[in-house]
């Protein structure tokens, strides 16, 4: 297994910089790549010096800690300088052609044993790495925003990923003090298929319900402090809209199926504004609220079951991942067990009969036993 000492990062914006600081704080040397010298300097000043100064001001780290962390991070405008890296993490903008091009160039420059991983949110790792020689050294390493705070990392194994590569990337994530789950290459991996479909279905009720009501209903259904509409605003409607389109394109004709992108989400995205969480009083009628909750939970239960059935992720890892990344008090399988499998089957049938998904095999012919966790 390759020992990782120096980490390269392609793209040093909000996500890439957070990954870099996390790695440097864990004792790794970091070399980040940006387009030119001016951008290298401005990104370093903004995302390293200013960010660490804020931590010092809040007494989260000492000045000595800051100097040590900042000293481990260097920037470059040249791919050539990444030859020294044992692991390279791509955190560029979510554009498939760009990512393929980046890894093709890295493959031409770097040694054959340099491990290469992508932080893509939805694209298949196998596709992103199609121009890399020796694809056994490739994998996915999916951080969740904000990467320096959110503890979850998905380590994604594509068909050609070697055991040594997977183990080295897994160990790297653990040494970065992350909670790690193992996922097979799949559109959106494990957590995003669940969360993206949940907000797509919730958004589809907008118009019949106002935003404040939908946000409040999601809080009740999931037992969370911040509702799904609020989370979409924080992550960005552009991100939500493009991710929804990507997931639908990948999965709508598959044996899983996937909801269509709701017109309400597209309209809100095109308006350039966020969901208005102050747009009226909250619906209190229990039957009206239950209608939304049944569709929301049925969606979460259905896609979660598909992911486990297809062996993309284990039930235990998906449970852990959702609780960690999304801050839900309970994962989908605990919710199903607590609700009872007969009621769970009714909710799954509701969304499948509505054409949002194909029925999972587990629930097709009979009511199954509870999930073993």
Protein backbone atom coordinates (compact mmCIF):
# COMPACT_ATOMS: atom_id res chain seq x y z
CA UNK A 1 0.00 0.00 0.00
CA UNK A 2 1.37 3.39 -1.04
CA UNK A 3 2.35 5.69 1.81
CA UNK A 4 0.78 9.12 1.42
CA UNK A 5 2.88 12.07 2.60
CA UNK A 6 2.22 14.81 0.04
CA UNK A 7 -1.23 15.63 -1.28
CA UNK A 8 -2.04 17.58 -4.44
CA UNK A 9 -5.30 19.47 -4.87
CA UNK A 10 -6.71 20.63 -8.19
CA UNK A 11 -8.96 23.65 -7.64
CA UNK A 12 -8.52 25.67 -4.46
CA UNK A 13 -11.91 27.27 -4.00
CA UNK A 14 -14.15 26.80 -0.98
CA UNK A 15 -14.17 22.99 -1.13
CA UNK A 16 -10.60 22.41 -2.29
CA UNK A 17 -9.17 24.78 0.30
CA UNK A 18 -11.15 23.14 3.11
CA UNK A 19 -9.83 19.74 2.00
CA UNK A 20 -6.30 21.16 1.88
CA UNK A 21 -6.45 22.74 5.34
CA UNK A 22 -7.92 19.53 6.73
CA UNK A 23 -5.02 17.54 5.26
CA UNK A 24 -2.37 20.03 6.39
CA UNK A 25 -3.88 20.06 9.90
CA UNK A 26 -3.48 16.28 9.91
CA UNK A 27 0.23 16.48 9.12
CA UNK A 28 0.26 16.14 5.32
CA UNK A 29 2.15 18.42 2.95
CA UNK A 30 -0.22 20.03 0.43
CA UNK A 31 0.43 21.41 -3.06
CA UNK A 32 -2.56 23.04 -4.72
CA UNK A 33 -2.88 23.86 -8.42
CA UNK A 34 -4.57 26.98 -9.76
CA UNK A 35 -4.62 28.64 -13.20
CA UNK A 36 -1.91 31.28 -12.74
CA UNK A 37 0.45 32.82 -10.17
CA UNK A 38 -1.92 35.65 -9.27
CA UNK A 39 -4.74 33.23 -8.57
CA UNK A 40 -2.41 30.98 -6.57
CA UNK A 41 -1.48 33.91 -4.33
CA UNK A 42 -5.02 35.25 -3.92
CA UNK A 43 -6.41 31.79 -3.12
CA UNK A 44 -3.65 31.23 -0.56
CA UNK A 45 -4.28 34.61 1.07
CA UNK A 46 -8.07 34.11 1.14
CA UNK A 47 -8.52 30.44 1.94
CA UNK A 48 -5.42 29.74 4.02
CA UNK A 49 -4.17 32.89 5.75
CA UNK A 50 -7.50 34.65 6.31
CA UNK A 51 -9.29 31.42 7.19
CA UNK A 52 -6.65 30.40 9.72
CA UNK A 53 -6.46 33.92 11.17
CA UNK A 54 -10.17 33.63 11.98
CA UNK A 55 -9.51 30.40 13.86
CA UNK A 56 -6.72 32.07 15.84
CA UNK A 57 -9.00 35.02 16.67
CA UNK A 58 -11.64 32.59 17.99
CA UNK A 59 -8.99 30.72 20.04
CA UNK A 60 -9.64 27.52 18.08
CA UNK A 61 -5.94 27.23 17.23
CA UNK A 62 -2.79 29.03 18.37
CA UNK A 63 -0.61 31.27 16.21
CA UNK A 64 2.01 28.52 16.32
CA UNK A 65 -0.57 26.03 15.00
CA UNK A 66 -1.50 28.41 12.20
CA UNK A 67 2.11 28.94 11.15
CA UNK A 68 2.69 25.20 11.08
CA UNK A 69 -0.45 24.45 9.03
CA UNK A 70 0.09 27.33 6.59
CA UNK A 71 3.71 26.28 6.16
CA UNK A 72 2.64 22.88 4.89
CA UNK A 73 0.53 24.38 2.07
CA UNK A 74 2.04 25.62 -1.17
CA UNK A 75 0.48 26.59 -4.49
CA UNK A 76 1.52 26.27 -8.13
CA UNK A 77 0.16 27.13 -11.57
CA UNK A 78 1.95 24.14 -13.15
CA UNK A 79 0.90 20.49 -13.30
CA UNK A 80 4.61 19.56 -13.34
CA UNK A 81 4.91 20.52 -9.66
CA UNK A 82 2.40 17.82 -8.74
CA UNK A 83 4.84 15.05 -9.67
CA UNK A 84 5.96 14.99 -6.05
CA UNK A 85 2.46 14.14 -4.79
CA UNK A 86 1.52 10.68 -3.57
CA UNK A 87 -2.21 11.46 -3.77
CA UNK A 88 -3.97 14.02 -5.98
CA UNK A 89 -7.52 15.17 -5.16
CA UNK A 90 -9.50 16.90 -7.91
CA UNK A 91 -11.94 19.51 -6.57
CA UNK A 92 -12.60 21.51 -9.74
CA UNK A 93 -16.01 22.80 -10.80
CA UNK A 94 -18.65 20.14 -11.54
CA UNK A 95 -18.02 19.80 -15.28
CA UNK A 96 -17.46 16.29 -16.61
CA UNK A 97 -15.40 17.25 -19.67
CA UNK A 98 -13.12 19.42 -17.54
CA UNK A 99 -12.55 16.65 -15.02
CA UNK A 100 -11.74 14.11 -17.72
CA UNK A 101 -9.26 16.58 -19.25
CA UNK A 102 -7.60 17.26 -15.88
CA UNK A 103 -7.00 13.59 -15.15
CA UNK A 104 -5.77 12.96 -18.67
CA UNK A 105 -3.11 15.66 -18.20
CA UNK A 106 -2.19 14.37 -14.74
CA UNK A 107 -1.85 10.85 -16.12
CA UNK A 108 0.66 12.07 -18.71
CA UNK A 109 2.77 13.90 -16.12
CA UNK A 110 2.67 11.97 -12.84
CA UNK A 111 4.33 8.66 -11.95
CA UNK A 112 2.32 5.49 -12.60
CA UNK A 113 1.73 4.88 -8.90
CA UNK A 114 0.36 8.35 -8.04
CA UNK A 115 -3.10 7.83 -6.57
CA UNK A 116 -5.76 9.98 -8.26
CA UNK A 117 -9.18 10.68 -6.78
CA UNK A 118 -12.11 12.95 -7.61
CA UNK A 119 -14.34 14.87 -5.23
CA UNK A 120 -17.17 14.92 -7.80
CA UNK A 121 -20.68 14.86 -6.33
CA UNK A 122 -22.57 13.01 -9.07
CA UNK A 123 -20.35 11.84 -11.96
CA UNK A 124 -19.28 8.20 -12.21
CA UNK A 125 -15.64 7.78 -11.18
CA UNK A 126 -15.07 5.30 -14.01
CA UNK A 127 -16.11 7.99 -16.53
CA UNK A 128 -14.11 10.79 -14.89
CA UNK A 129 -10.96 8.60 -14.99
CA UNK A 130 -11.37 7.28 -18.55
CA UNK A 131 -8.10 8.86 -19.76
CA UNK A 132 -5.96 7.71 -16.82
CA UNK A 133 -3.37 5.02 -17.45
CA UNK A 134 -3.28 2.36 -14.74
CA UNK A 135 -6.87 3.02 -13.54
CA UNK A 136 -6.27 0.69 -10.59
CA UNK A 137 -4.83 3.76 -8.83
CA UNK A 138 -8.07 5.76 -9.17
CA UNK A 139 -11.02 6.17 -6.80
CA UNK A 140 -13.52 8.70 -5.54
CA UNK A 141 -13.11 10.68 -2.33
CA UNK A 142 -16.32 12.60 -1.74
CA UNK A 143 -16.23 15.23 0.99
CA UNK A 144 -19.38 16.98 2.18
CA UNK A 145 -19.76 20.73 2.57
CA UNK A 146 -18.22 22.30 4.55
CA UNK A 147 -15.33 19.87 4.18
CA UNK A 148 -13.44 21.14 7.22
CA UNK A 149 -16.52 20.69 9.46
CA UNK A 150 -18.65 17.87 8.01
CA UNK A 151 -17.08 14.65 9.21
CA UNK A 152 -18.34 12.31 6.49
CA UNK A 153 -16.27 11.14 3.55
CA UNK A 154 -17.41 8.58 0.98
CA UNK A 155 -14.58 6.46 -0.41
CA UNK A 156 -15.82 5.31 -3.81
CA UNK A 157 -14.48 2.21 -5.46
CA UNK A 158 -14.87 1.92 -9.22
CA UNK A 159 -14.57 -1.45 -10.99
CA UNK A 160 -10.84 -1.10 -11.60
CA UNK A 161 -9.82 0.36 -8.22
CA UNK A 162 -7.21 -1.90 -6.59
CA UNK A 163 -7.31 -3.04 -2.98
CA UNK A 164 -4.09 -1.12 -2.29
CA UNK A 165 -5.56 2.10 -3.68
CA UNK A 166 -8.81 1.71 -1.77
CA UNK A 167 -6.98 0.94 1.49
CA UNK A 168 -4.57 3.86 1.08
CA UNK A 169 -7.38 6.36 0.39
CA UNK A 170 -9.43 4.95 3.26
CA UNK A 171 -6.48 5.31 5.65
CA UNK A 172 -5.85 8.87 4.43
CA UNK A 173 -9.46 9.85 5.18
CA UNK A 174 -9.31 8.28 8.63
CA UNK A 175 -6.07 10.12 9.44
CA UNK A 176 -7.92 13.31 8.49
CA UNK A 177 -10.29 12.48 11.39
CA UNK A 178 -13.19 11.70 9.06
CA UNK A 179 -16.04 9.24 9.40
CA UNK A 180 -15.59 7.00 6.37
CA UNK A 181 -18.12 4.87 4.50
CA UNK A 182 -17.37 2.55 1.60
CA UNK A 183 -19.41 3.01 -1.58
CA UNK A 184 -19.35 1.40 -5.04
CA UNK A 185 -19.32 3.62 -8.12
CA UNK A 186 -22.90 4.80 -8.67
CA UNK A 187 -24.49 8.10 -9.79
CA UNK A 188 -24.33 10.41 -6.77
CA UNK A 189 -22.79 7.53 -4.74
CA UNK A 190 -24.79 6.86 -1.52
CA UNK A 191 -25.87 10.00 0.34
CA UNK A 192 -26.73 12.26 -2.60
CA UNK A 193 -29.26 9.90 -4.23
CA UNK A 194 -31.20 9.99 -0.97
CA UNK A 195 -30.98 13.70 -0.26
CA UNK A 196 -31.48 14.90 -3.85
CA UNK A 197 -34.60 12.79 -4.36
CA UNK A 198 -35.97 13.95 -1.01
CA UNK A 199 -35.81 17.63 -1.94
CA UNK A 200 -37.09 16.95 -5.47
CA UNK A 201 -40.24 15.31 -4.09
CA UNK A 202 -40.68 17.99 -1.42
CA UNK A 203 -40.27 20.77 -4.01
CA UNK A 204 -42.98 19.20 -6.17
CA UNK A 205 -45.57 20.15 -3.53
CA UNK A 206 -44.75 23.85 -3.76
CA UNK A 207 -47.77 25.78 -4.97
CA UNK A 208 -50.21 23.60 -3.10
CA UNK A 209 -48.12 24.35 0.01
CA UNK A 210 -45.94 27.34 0.78
CA UNK A 211 -42.20 27.05 1.44
CA UNK A 212 -42.52 27.59 5.18
CA UNK A 213 -44.97 24.70 5.46
CA UNK A 214 -42.82 22.32 3.40
CA UNK A 215 -39.76 23.18 5.46
CA UNK A 216 -41.67 22.63 8.70
CA UNK A 217 -43.14 19.33 7.50
CA UNK A 218 -39.65 18.05 6.64
CA UNK A 219 -38.47 19.00 10.13
CA UNK A 220 -41.30 16.99 11.66
CA UNK A 221 -40.83 13.99 9.37
CA UNK A 222 -37.07 13.74 9.94
CA UNK A 223 -36.74 15.20 13.44
CA UNK A 224 -34.20 17.75 12.25
CA UNK A 225 -33.42 21.29 13.37
CA UNK A 226 -33.07 22.69 9.85
CA UNK A 227 -35.60 21.72 7.19
CA UNK A 228 -34.86 20.56 3.67
CA UNK A 229 -35.96 23.83 2.02
CA UNK A 230 -33.56 25.76 4.26
CA UNK A 231 -30.72 23.35 3.48
CA UNK A 232 -31.28 23.86 -0.26
CA UNK A 233 -30.92 27.62 0.20
CA UNK A 234 -27.68 27.15 2.14
CA UNK A 235 -26.16 24.76 -0.41
CA UNK A 236 -27.35 26.91 -3.33
CA UNK A 237 -30.34 26.51 -5.64
CA UNK A 238 -27.97 26.23 -8.60
CA UNK A 239 -26.25 23.24 -7.05
CA UNK A 240 -29.61 21.68 -6.15
CA UNK A 241 -31.04 22.18 -9.64
CA UNK A 242 -28.04 20.86 -11.58
CA UNK A 243 -27.63 17.88 -9.24
CA UNK A 244 -31.30 16.99 -9.68
CA UNK A 245 -30.98 17.07 -13.47
CA UNK A 246 -27.83 14.95 -13.36
CA UNK A 247 -29.42 12.30 -11.13
CA UNK A 248 -32.57 12.12 -13.26
CA UNK A 249 -30.55 11.77 -16.48
CA UNK A 250 -28.53 8.92 -14.96
CA UNK A 251 -31.31 6.95 -13.31
CA UNK A 252 -34.74 7.61 -14.83
CA UNK A 253 -34.39 4.77 -17.36
CA UNK A 254 -32.61 2.43 -14.94
CA UNK A 255 -34.05 -0.38 -12.86
CA UNK A 256 -34.09 2.08 -9.94
CA UNK A 257 -35.99 4.94 -11.57
CA UNK A 258 -35.85 8.51 -10.25
CA UNK A 259 -38.21 11.49 -9.87
CA UNK A 260 -38.43 14.08 -12.61
CA UNK A 261 -36.95 17.49 -11.85
CA UNK A 262 -39.96 19.44 -10.51
CA UNK A 263 -40.99 22.53 -12.47
CA UNK A 264 -41.13 24.40 -9.17
CA UNK A 265 -37.39 23.90 -8.60
CA UNK A 266 -36.55 24.94 -12.16
CA UNK A 267 -38.71 28.07 -11.88
CA UNK A 268 -37.12 29.06 -8.59
CA UNK A 269 -33.63 28.46 -9.99
CA UNK A 270 -34.36 30.53 -13.11
CA UNK A 271 -35.67 33.39 -10.97
CA UNK A 272 -32.24 33.75 -9.38
CA UNK A 273 -33.69 33.79 -5.87
CA UNK A 274 -33.81 31.32 -2.99
CA UNK A 275 -36.87 29.63 -1.55
CA UNK A 276 -38.79 32.24 0.47
CA UNK A 277 -39.05 30.75 3.93
CA UNK A 278 -41.15 33.71 5.12
CA UNK A 279 -43.91 33.35 2.51
CA UNK A 280 -46.88 32.72 4.77
CA UNK A 281 -48.28 30.84 7.72
CA UNK A 282 -47.51 27.17 8.27
CA UNK A 283 -50.16 24.60 7.33
CA UNK A 284 -51.39 22.90 10.51
CA UNK A 285 -53.95 20.46 9.04
CA UNK A 286 -52.72 16.96 9.99
CA UNK A 287 -54.04 15.23 6.87
CA UNK A 288 -52.46 17.80 4.57
CA UNK A 289 -49.14 17.49 6.38
CA UNK A 290 -49.29 13.69 6.37
CA UNK A 291 -49.70 13.64 2.59
CA UNK A 292 -46.34 15.36 2.17
CA UNK A 293 -44.65 13.32 4.89
CA UNK A 294 -45.74 10.03 3.32
CA UNK A 295 -44.30 11.05 -0.06
CA UNK A 296 -41.09 12.34 1.51
CA UNK A 297 -40.46 9.29 3.68
CA UNK A 298 -41.59 6.89 0.96
CA UNK A 299 -38.99 8.44 -1.34
CA UNK A 300 -36.22 8.15 1.25
CA UNK A 301 -37.13 4.55 2.07
CA UNK A 302 -37.34 3.50 -1.59
CA UNK A 303 -34.01 4.87 -2.81
CA UNK A 304 -32.25 3.67 0.35
CA UNK A 305 -33.57 0.14 -0.22
CA UNK A 306 -32.43 0.20 -3.86
CA UNK A 307 -28.91 1.28 -2.86
CA UNK A 308 -28.53 -1.60 -0.41
CA UNK A 309 -30.15 -4.15 -2.75
CA UNK A 310 -27.70 -3.19 -5.52
CA UNK A 311 -24.83 -3.54 -3.02
CA UNK A 312 -23.74 0.05 -3.61
CA UNK A 313 -23.45 0.55 0.15
CA UNK A 314 -24.28 -1.49 3.23
CA UNK A 315 -27.33 -0.60 5.31
CA UNK A 316 -25.06 0.14 8.28
CA UNK A 317 -22.82 2.49 6.26
CA UNK A 318 -25.76 4.31 4.66
CA UNK A 319 -27.36 4.70 8.07
CA UNK A 320 -24.12 6.09 9.51
CA UNK A 321 -23.47 8.29 6.47
CA UNK A 322 -26.88 9.96 6.47
CA UNK A 323 -26.78 10.62 10.19
CA UNK A 324 -23.27 12.09 9.88
CA UNK A 325 -23.52 14.10 6.64
CA UNK A 326 -27.13 15.28 6.89
CA UNK A 327 -27.40 15.46 10.69
CA UNK A 328 -30.59 13.39 10.74
CA UNK A 329 -31.13 11.89 14.22
CA UNK A 330 -32.13 8.57 12.64
CA UNK A 331 -31.08 6.94 9.42
CA UNK A 332 -33.64 5.53 6.96
CA UNK A 333 -33.41 1.93 8.18
CA UNK A 334 -33.99 2.81 11.82
CA UNK A 335 -36.95 4.94 10.70
CA UNK A 336 -38.36 2.01 8.72
CA UNK A 337 -37.89 -0.39 11.62
CA UNK A 338 -39.52 2.01 14.08
CA UNK A 339 -42.43 2.68 11.74
CA UNK A 340 -43.00 -1.00 11.05
CA UNK A 341 -42.40 -2.80 7.77
CA UNK A 342 -46.08 -2.97 6.84
CA UNK A 343 -46.41 0.82 7.00
CA UNK A 344 -43.04 1.18 5.27
CA UNK A 345 -44.25 -1.01 2.41
CA UNK A 346 -47.35 1.19 2.01
CA UNK A 347 -45.20 4.32 1.73
CA UNK A 348 -42.85 2.69 -0.78
CA UNK A 349 -45.81 1.49 -2.86
CA UNK A 350 -47.22 5.05 -2.80
CA UNK A 351 -44.19 6.62 -4.49
CA UNK A 352 -43.59 3.68 -6.84
CA UNK A 353 -47.22 3.69 -8.01
CA UNK A 354 -46.82 7.41 -8.62
CA UNK A 355 -44.00 6.61 -11.06
CA UNK A 356 -41.19 8.13 -9.03
CA UNK A 357 -39.25 4.86 -8.68
CA UNK A 358 -39.40 1.21 -9.63
CA UNK A 359 -40.45 -1.09 -6.80
CA UNK A 360 -37.47 -2.59 -4.92
CA UNK A 361 -37.37 -6.39 -5.02
CA UNK A 362 -37.35 -6.55 -1.23
CA UNK A 363 -40.88 -5.14 -1.05
CA UNK A 364 -42.40 -6.59 -4.25
CA UNK A 365 -44.12 -9.76 -3.08
CA UNK A 366 -44.38 -9.65 0.70
CA UNK A 367 -43.70 -7.60 3.78
CA UNK A 368 -40.03 -8.22 4.70
CA UNK A 369 -38.47 -8.58 8.13
CA UNK A 370 -36.99 -5.52 9.78
CA UNK A 371 -33.57 -4.34 8.73
CA UNK A 372 -30.66 -5.89 10.63
CA UNK A 373 -28.36 -3.10 11.78
